[in-house]
Protein backbone atom coordinates (compact mmCIF):
# COMPACT_ATOMS: atom_id res chain seq x y z
CA MET A 1 -2.40 3.36 11.37
CA LEU A 2 -0.16 0.28 11.53
CA TRP A 3 0.73 1.20 15.10
CA GLY A 4 -2.75 1.93 16.33
CA ASP A 5 -4.13 0.45 19.34
CA CYS A 6 -7.08 -1.52 18.13
CA GLU A 7 -7.57 -4.94 20.04
CA SER A 8 -7.36 -6.98 16.93
CA ALA A 9 -6.79 -6.24 13.20
CA ALA A 10 -9.55 -8.74 12.61
CA GLU A 11 -12.22 -6.76 14.49
CA PRO A 12 -13.73 -3.51 13.16
CA CYS A 13 -11.20 -0.98 13.95
CA PRO A 14 -11.56 2.76 13.91
CA TRP A 15 -8.07 3.25 12.64
CA LEU A 16 -8.65 1.16 9.47
CA ALA A 17 -12.01 2.98 8.86
CA ASP A 18 -10.27 6.32 9.34
CA ALA A 19 -7.42 5.45 7.00
CA ILE A 20 -9.74 4.19 4.30
CA ALA A 21 -12.13 7.23 4.60
CA ALA A 22 -9.13 9.48 4.31
CA LEU A 23 -7.97 7.69 1.16
CA GLY A 24 -11.37 7.92 -0.40
CA SER A 25 -11.53 11.62 0.23
CA LEU A 26 -8.10 12.08 -1.15
CA LEU A 27 -8.89 10.13 -4.30
CA GLN A 28 -12.05 12.22 -4.67
CA SER A 29 -10.07 15.39 -4.36
CA PHE A 30 -7.63 14.17 -6.94
CA ALA A 31 -10.44 13.48 -9.36
CA THR A 32 -12.09 16.75 -8.71
CA ASP A 33 -8.72 18.50 -9.27
CA GLY A 34 -8.16 16.92 -12.52
CA VAL A 35 -5.60 14.30 -11.73
CA GLU A 36 -5.65 11.77 -14.53
CA ARG A 37 -4.38 8.73 -12.91
CA VAL A 38 -3.19 7.34 -9.54
CA VAL A 39 -0.60 4.68 -8.65
CA LEU A 40 -1.23 3.37 -5.19
CA VAL A 41 1.55 1.38 -3.61
CA GLY A 42 1.10 -1.32 -0.89
CA TYR A 43 3.72 -2.27 1.67
CA PRO A 44 5.51 -5.43 1.48
CA ASP A 45 4.72 -7.77 4.42
CA PRO A 46 6.02 -6.29 7.68
CA GLN A 47 8.04 -8.79 9.74
CA ASP A 48 6.55 -7.77 13.12
CA PRO A 49 3.69 -10.11 13.69
CA THR A 50 1.39 -7.37 15.03
CA VAL A 51 2.09 -4.96 12.27
CA HIS A 52 1.91 -7.68 9.70
CA ALA A 53 -1.62 -8.50 10.99
CA ARG A 54 -2.80 -4.95 10.64
CA MET A 55 -1.30 -4.77 7.17
CA GLU A 56 -3.17 -7.87 6.15
CA ALA A 57 -6.45 -6.20 7.28
CA LEU A 58 -5.57 -2.79 5.70
CA ARG A 59 -4.33 -4.16 2.32
CA PRO A 60 -7.59 -5.41 0.92
CA LEU A 61 -9.22 -2.25 1.88
CA LEU A 62 -6.51 -0.15 -0.02
CA GLU A 63 -7.02 -2.36 -3.00
CA GLY A 64 -10.71 -1.92 -2.78
CA ALA A 65 -10.51 1.86 -2.61
CA CYS A 66 -8.19 1.85 -5.56
CA SER A 67 -10.51 -0.26 -7.59
CA SER A 68 -13.46 1.84 -6.92
CA ALA A 69 -11.72 5.15 -7.03
CA PRO A 70 -13.39 7.93 -9.17
CA LEU A 71 -10.32 8.01 -11.39
CA PRO A 72 -8.01 5.29 -12.94
CA CYS A 73 -6.03 3.83 -10.02
CA THR A 74 -3.30 1.10 -10.43
CA TRP A 75 -2.55 -0.96 -7.31
CA VAL A 76 1.11 -1.99 -6.96
CA ASP A 77 1.54 -4.89 -4.38
CA LEU A 78 5.30 -4.67 -3.22
CA ARG A 79 4.82 -8.17 -1.84
CA VAL A 80 5.47 -9.47 -5.45
CA ALA A 81 8.82 -7.57 -5.75
CA PHE A 82 9.94 -8.68 -2.24
CA ALA A 83 9.08 -12.26 -2.58
CA GLY A 84 12.03 -14.48 -1.73
CA HIS A 85 14.14 -11.40 -0.78
CA TYR A 86 12.79 -10.20 2.53
CA ASP A 87 16.06 -10.68 4.40
CA GLU A 88 17.87 -8.67 1.78
CA PHE A 89 15.14 -6.00 1.15
CA LEU A 90 13.93 -5.21 4.62
CA SER A 91 16.17 -3.61 7.25
CA VAL A 92 16.58 -4.79 10.89
CA GLY A 93 13.19 -4.61 12.49
CA GLY A 94 11.55 -5.79 9.19
CA LEU A 95 9.48 -2.66 8.49
CA ASN A 96 11.67 -0.21 6.34
CA PRO A 97 13.45 -1.19 3.07
CA THR A 98 17.11 -1.42 2.63
CA SER A 99 18.88 0.16 -0.35
CA ALA A 100 18.15 -3.03 -2.30
CA GLY A 101 14.52 -2.98 -1.16
CA ALA A 102 14.24 0.70 -2.19
CA LYS A 103 15.57 -0.13 -5.62
CA ALA A 104 13.24 -3.07 -5.87
CA SER A 105 10.18 -0.93 -4.81
CA ALA A 106 11.32 1.86 -7.30
CA SER A 107 11.50 -0.72 -10.12
CA ALA A 108 8.08 -2.00 -9.39
CA ILE A 109 6.58 1.45 -9.10
CA TRP A 110 8.24 2.69 -12.37
CA GLN A 111 6.94 -0.36 -14.16
CA ALA A 112 3.46 0.41 -12.96
CA MET A 113 3.88 4.03 -13.98
CA ASN A 114 5.14 3.02 -17.47
CA ASP A 115 2.24 0.58 -17.88
CA CYS A 116 -0.24 3.37 -17.09
CA VAL A 117 1.25 5.52 -19.79
CA THR A 118 1.10 2.71 -22.47
CA ARG A 119 -2.61 2.01 -21.86
């Protein structure tokens, strides 16, 4: 989705609509199959300007799908964990995490999972 060919991330884009529809179907399948809770993780900010713009368009749609999911869904925004550490946490090209970024991601996700258990 992030490499789709829409004219602009700000315009209605079939790639975004397809991604969110697929997520909605997946969450519904989870609920139907008896999954009790989902932790949905959002990317940190990609450093490529075009990919960043697409992520900015996608992120609120992902959050909205999580908040309206038919089962409990916790949204983890990795921008929080990466704040002030993008040079250290993203590899050359600014999209994939380094080892330090993977550890920061894992820590944020683990914390969200533990928070779900204690609720």
